[in-house]
Each structure stands twice: as C-alpha cells, then as structure tokens.
N, C-alpha and C. Protein backbone atom coordinates (compact mmCIF):
# COMPACT_ATOMS: atom_id res chain seq x y z
N MET A 1 0.85 -1.16 0.00
CA MET A 1 0.00 0.00 0.00
C MET A 1 0.90 1.23 0.00
N SER A 2 0.56 2.20 -0.78
CA SER A 2 1.34 3.43 -0.80
C SER A 2 0.43 4.61 -0.43
N PHE A 3 1.04 5.64 0.08
CA PHE A 3 0.31 6.82 0.54
C PHE A 3 0.84 8.04 -0.18
N ARG A 4 -0.06 8.92 -0.54
CA ARG A 4 0.34 10.18 -1.16
C ARG A 4 0.57 11.21 -0.07
N PRO A 5 1.69 11.89 -0.11
CA PRO A 5 1.94 12.91 0.91
C PRO A 5 0.97 14.07 0.77
N VAL A 6 0.57 14.60 1.90
CA VAL A 6 -0.29 15.79 1.93
C VAL A 6 0.64 17.00 1.88
N PRO A 7 0.35 17.99 1.03
CA PRO A 7 1.27 19.11 0.82
C PRO A 7 1.75 19.83 2.08
N ASN A 8 0.89 20.03 3.07
CA ASN A 8 1.32 20.78 4.25
C ASN A 8 1.92 19.90 5.35
N HIS A 9 2.09 18.62 5.09
CA HIS A 9 2.71 17.73 6.07
C HIS A 9 4.22 17.67 5.85
N VAL A 10 4.96 17.84 6.93
CA VAL A 10 6.42 17.81 6.86
C VAL A 10 6.94 16.38 6.98
N TYR A 11 6.31 15.59 7.85
CA TYR A 11 6.80 14.24 8.13
C TYR A 11 5.86 13.18 7.56
N PRO A 12 6.40 12.07 7.07
CA PRO A 12 5.55 11.00 6.52
C PRO A 12 4.54 10.45 7.53
N ASN A 13 4.92 10.42 8.81
CA ASN A 13 3.99 9.87 9.81
C ASN A 13 2.73 10.72 9.95
N GLU A 14 2.79 11.98 9.58
CA GLU A 14 1.58 12.82 9.60
C GLU A 14 0.55 12.28 8.61
N THR A 15 1.02 11.90 7.44
CA THR A 15 0.13 11.34 6.42
C THR A 15 -0.32 9.94 6.83
N LEU A 16 0.59 9.14 7.36
CA LEU A 16 0.25 7.77 7.77
C LEU A 16 -0.80 7.76 8.87
N ILE A 17 -0.65 8.62 9.86
CA ILE A 17 -1.58 8.61 11.00
C ILE A 17 -2.99 8.98 10.54
N LEU A 18 -3.10 9.85 9.57
CA LEU A 18 -4.42 10.20 9.03
C LEU A 18 -5.09 9.02 8.33
N SER A 19 -4.26 8.08 7.86
CA SER A 19 -4.78 6.89 7.19
C SER A 19 -4.90 5.71 8.14
N GLY A 20 -4.57 5.93 9.44
CA GLY A 20 -4.72 4.85 10.42
C GLY A 20 -3.49 3.99 10.59
N TYR A 21 -2.34 4.52 10.25
CA TYR A 21 -1.08 3.78 10.38
C TYR A 21 -0.06 4.59 11.14
N LEU A 22 0.93 3.89 11.69
CA LEU A 22 2.04 4.54 12.37
C LEU A 22 3.32 3.93 11.84
N GLY A 23 4.21 4.77 11.34
CA GLY A 23 5.48 4.29 10.81
C GLY A 23 6.38 3.76 11.90
N CYS A 24 7.23 2.82 11.54
CA CYS A 24 8.12 2.19 12.52
C CYS A 24 9.32 3.06 12.88
N VAL A 25 9.59 4.07 12.08
CA VAL A 25 10.66 5.03 12.38
C VAL A 25 10.10 6.42 12.14
N PRO A 26 10.68 7.44 12.79
CA PRO A 26 10.08 8.77 12.70
C PRO A 26 10.19 9.48 11.35
N LEU A 27 11.32 9.35 10.65
CA LEU A 27 11.53 10.19 9.48
C LEU A 27 11.19 9.55 8.14
N PHE A 28 11.72 8.41 7.85
CA PHE A 28 11.49 7.78 6.54
C PHE A 28 11.05 6.33 6.71
N PRO A 29 9.81 6.12 7.16
CA PRO A 29 9.36 4.75 7.41
C PRO A 29 9.17 3.96 6.12
N THR A 30 9.61 2.72 6.15
CA THR A 30 9.35 1.79 5.05
C THR A 30 8.33 0.74 5.47
N ILE A 31 8.12 0.64 6.78
CA ILE A 31 7.12 -0.27 7.34
C ILE A 31 6.21 0.56 8.23
N ALA A 32 4.91 0.33 8.11
CA ALA A 32 3.94 0.99 8.97
C ALA A 32 2.99 -0.07 9.53
N ILE A 33 2.52 0.17 10.73
CA ILE A 33 1.62 -0.77 11.40
C ILE A 33 0.30 -0.05 11.65
N SER A 34 -0.78 -0.73 11.39
CA SER A 34 -2.08 -0.08 11.56
C SER A 34 -2.36 0.18 13.04
N LEU A 35 -3.07 1.25 13.29
CA LEU A 35 -3.44 1.58 14.66
C LEU A 35 -4.34 0.50 15.25
N ARG A 36 -5.14 -0.12 14.41
CA ARG A 36 -6.00 -1.22 14.87
C ARG A 36 -5.17 -2.41 15.34
N THR A 37 -4.09 -2.70 14.63
CA THR A 37 -3.20 -3.79 15.02
C THR A 37 -2.52 -3.47 16.35
N LEU A 38 -2.06 -2.22 16.49
CA LEU A 38 -1.41 -1.81 17.74
C LEU A 38 -2.40 -1.85 18.90
N ALA A 39 -3.64 -1.42 18.66
CA ALA A 39 -4.66 -1.47 19.70
C ALA A 39 -4.98 -2.92 20.09
N ALA A 40 -5.05 -3.79 19.10
CA ALA A 40 -5.32 -5.21 19.37
C ALA A 40 -4.19 -5.82 20.19
N PHE A 41 -2.94 -5.53 19.81
CA PHE A 41 -1.81 -6.06 20.59
C PHE A 41 -1.86 -5.54 22.02
N HIS A 42 -2.16 -4.25 22.19
CA HIS A 42 -2.23 -3.66 23.53
C HIS A 42 -3.29 -4.38 24.37
N GLN A 43 -4.47 -4.63 23.80
CA GLN A 43 -5.52 -5.33 24.52
C GLN A 43 -5.13 -6.77 24.83
N LEU A 44 -4.52 -7.44 23.86
CA LEU A 44 -4.06 -8.81 24.09
C LEU A 44 -3.05 -8.87 25.22
N HIS A 45 -2.10 -7.94 25.18
CA HIS A 45 -1.05 -7.94 26.19
C HIS A 45 -1.62 -7.59 27.57
N CYS A 46 -2.61 -6.71 27.63
CA CYS A 46 -3.25 -6.39 28.92
C CYS A 46 -4.00 -7.60 29.46
N SER A 47 -4.64 -8.35 28.57
CA SER A 47 -5.40 -9.54 28.98
C SER A 47 -4.49 -10.70 29.33
N CYS A 48 -3.39 -10.80 28.61
CA CYS A 48 -2.45 -11.91 28.83
C CYS A 48 -1.03 -11.36 28.73
N PRO A 49 -0.46 -10.92 29.84
CA PRO A 49 0.88 -10.32 29.81
C PRO A 49 1.97 -11.25 29.27
N ARG A 50 1.69 -12.54 29.25
CA ARG A 50 2.69 -13.48 28.72
C ARG A 50 2.74 -13.46 27.19
N PHE A 51 1.75 -12.84 26.55
CA PHE A 51 1.76 -12.72 25.08
C PHE A 51 2.81 -11.67 24.71
N SER A 52 3.91 -12.13 24.19
CA SER A 52 5.06 -11.27 23.98
C SER A 52 5.00 -10.51 22.65
N ILE A 53 5.82 -9.50 22.57
CA ILE A 53 5.95 -8.73 21.34
C ILE A 53 6.51 -9.62 20.22
N GLN A 54 7.39 -10.56 20.60
CA GLN A 54 7.95 -11.48 19.60
C GLN A 54 6.86 -12.40 19.05
N ALA A 55 5.98 -12.89 19.93
CA ALA A 55 4.87 -13.73 19.47
C ALA A 55 3.95 -12.94 18.53
N ALA A 56 3.72 -11.68 18.85
CA ALA A 56 2.89 -10.84 17.99
C ALA A 56 3.56 -10.63 16.64
N ALA A 57 4.86 -10.36 16.64
CA ALA A 57 5.59 -10.16 15.38
C ALA A 57 5.56 -11.42 14.53
N LYS A 58 5.77 -12.57 15.15
CA LYS A 58 5.74 -13.83 14.41
C LYS A 58 4.34 -14.09 13.84
N THR A 59 3.31 -13.77 14.61
CA THR A 59 1.93 -13.95 14.15
C THR A 59 1.65 -13.05 12.95
N LEU A 60 2.07 -11.79 13.04
CA LEU A 60 1.85 -10.88 11.92
C LEU A 60 2.58 -11.34 10.67
N CYS A 61 3.81 -11.84 10.83
CA CYS A 61 4.55 -12.37 9.68
C CYS A 61 3.81 -13.55 9.05
N PHE A 62 3.30 -14.44 9.89
CA PHE A 62 2.55 -15.58 9.39
C PHE A 62 1.31 -15.13 8.62
N LEU A 63 0.57 -14.17 9.20
CA LEU A 63 -0.65 -13.68 8.55
C LEU A 63 -0.38 -12.98 7.23
N HIS A 64 0.80 -12.36 7.11
CA HIS A 64 1.15 -11.63 5.89
C HIS A 64 2.03 -12.44 4.94
N HIS A 65 2.24 -13.71 5.28
CA HIS A 65 3.00 -14.64 4.44
C HIS A 65 4.41 -14.13 4.14
N ILE A 66 5.07 -13.62 5.17
CA ILE A 66 6.47 -13.20 5.01
C ILE A 66 7.30 -13.92 6.07
N PRO A 67 8.56 -14.19 5.76
CA PRO A 67 9.39 -14.87 6.76
C PRO A 67 9.67 -13.96 7.95
N TYR A 68 9.70 -14.57 9.12
CA TYR A 68 10.00 -13.81 10.34
C TYR A 68 11.47 -13.42 10.36
N ARG A 69 11.72 -12.19 10.72
CA ARG A 69 13.08 -11.68 10.93
C ARG A 69 13.09 -10.96 12.28
N PRO A 70 14.12 -11.17 13.10
CA PRO A 70 14.17 -10.56 14.44
C PRO A 70 14.02 -9.04 14.43
N TYR A 71 14.49 -8.35 13.38
CA TYR A 71 14.38 -6.90 13.36
C TYR A 71 12.91 -6.45 13.33
N LEU A 72 12.02 -7.31 12.86
CA LEU A 72 10.60 -6.96 12.84
C LEU A 72 10.04 -6.88 14.26
N THR A 73 10.56 -7.70 15.16
CA THR A 73 10.15 -7.61 16.57
C THR A 73 10.57 -6.27 17.15
N VAL A 74 11.78 -5.83 16.81
CA VAL A 74 12.27 -4.54 17.30
C VAL A 74 11.40 -3.41 16.75
N GLN A 75 11.06 -3.48 15.47
CA GLN A 75 10.23 -2.43 14.88
C GLN A 75 8.83 -2.41 15.49
N LEU A 76 8.26 -3.59 15.71
CA LEU A 76 6.94 -3.65 16.35
C LEU A 76 7.02 -3.12 17.78
N SER A 77 8.06 -3.46 18.48
CA SER A 77 8.24 -2.99 19.85
C SER A 77 8.36 -1.47 19.91
N ASN A 78 9.19 -0.91 19.04
CA ASN A 78 9.36 0.55 19.02
C ASN A 78 8.06 1.26 18.65
N THR A 79 7.36 0.73 17.67
CA THR A 79 6.10 1.34 17.24
C THR A 79 5.04 1.22 18.33
N SER A 80 5.03 0.10 19.02
CA SER A 80 4.10 -0.08 20.13
C SER A 80 4.39 0.92 21.25
N ASP A 81 5.67 1.15 21.53
CA ASP A 81 6.04 2.14 22.55
C ASP A 81 5.55 3.54 22.17
N VAL A 82 5.72 3.89 20.90
CA VAL A 82 5.26 5.20 20.43
C VAL A 82 3.73 5.29 20.54
N TYR A 83 3.06 4.23 20.15
CA TYR A 83 1.59 4.18 20.24
C TYR A 83 1.14 4.40 21.69
N LEU A 84 1.79 3.71 22.63
CA LEU A 84 1.43 3.88 24.04
C LEU A 84 1.72 5.29 24.53
N GLU A 85 2.80 5.88 24.06
CA GLU A 85 3.12 7.26 24.42
C GLU A 85 2.07 8.23 23.88
N ILE A 86 1.61 7.99 22.66
CA ILE A 86 0.55 8.83 22.09
C ILE A 86 -0.72 8.71 22.94
N LEU A 87 -1.09 7.48 23.30
CA LEU A 87 -2.27 7.28 24.14
C LEU A 87 -2.12 8.00 25.48
N HIS A 88 -0.95 7.90 26.08
CA HIS A 88 -0.68 8.55 27.37
C HIS A 88 -0.82 10.07 27.25
N ARG A 89 -0.21 10.64 26.21
CA ARG A 89 -0.28 12.10 26.04
C ARG A 89 -1.70 12.57 25.75
N MET A 90 -2.44 11.78 24.97
CA MET A 90 -3.83 12.13 24.70
C MET A 90 -4.65 12.09 25.98
N ASP A 91 -4.40 11.09 26.81
CA ASP A 91 -5.11 10.96 28.07
C ASP A 91 -4.79 12.14 29.00
N CYS A 92 -3.52 12.52 29.08
CA CYS A 92 -3.12 13.67 29.90
C CYS A 92 -3.76 14.96 29.40
N GLN A 93 -3.77 15.14 28.10
CA GLN A 93 -4.37 16.35 27.52
C GLN A 93 -5.87 16.39 27.78
N LEU A 94 -6.52 15.25 27.64
CA LEU A 94 -7.95 15.17 27.91
C LEU A 94 -8.26 15.50 29.37
N LYS A 95 -7.46 14.95 30.29
CA LYS A 95 -7.66 15.25 31.71
C LYS A 95 -7.46 16.74 32.00
N ARG A 96 -6.45 17.35 31.38
CA ARG A 96 -6.21 18.79 31.56
C ARG A 96 -7.40 19.61 31.07
N GLU A 97 -7.93 19.24 29.91
CA GLU A 97 -9.05 19.99 29.33
C GLU A 97 -10.34 19.83 30.13
N LEU A 98 -10.50 18.69 30.77
CA LEU A 98 -11.73 18.44 31.51
C LEU A 98 -11.71 19.02 32.92
N LYS A 99 -10.58 19.55 33.36
CA LYS A 99 -10.50 20.15 34.70
C LYS A 99 -11.20 21.48 34.73
C-alpha cells in the first residue's frame, strides 16, 4: 500500500496517521503498522501479559506470508512504545481539558 503525501505535512507519519497507520521510524518509514493492530496487541497484552511482542511479530509475519526476521520484533516494539506514548499524552491532555 502506498500513501500520497499531503502538501502541508512535513513528516511522513503525519500522512500515515491520518490513514490509520504509524510508521516504525520517525523520518522515513518503510514499514507501517495499523493503529487497529497496535490497539489489538495492547488489549491482548493487557489480557495476557505473557503474550510477547515477539509472538505478535511472528503472528503478523505468518498472517502476511512473510518470513519472520528478528528486526521486525524490534520495529513492532518501538512502534508499540510510540503508540502507548501517544495514548498517554492524549489521556493527559484530555484530563487537563476536563478540569
């Protein structure tokens, strides 16, 4: 899937996030993970903390018919961390606004 950059966006992740994806790196992502996938992993991990990021990466590789590579676990982990940070900041901002 390819995305067309929006003229007033400086970073590729600005365009990706509008389409429901988050790039695995901040500046020039070649891999993006859907926000729905990140939300599903977050819920799975909350329900079953033993469900590891590596198991999630291997599952995604299987579903997409690509061979598993360890660097994909790192990319999923980093993207998941950014996703959680976004959720945290949104929650903090919402709490500030509701005071």
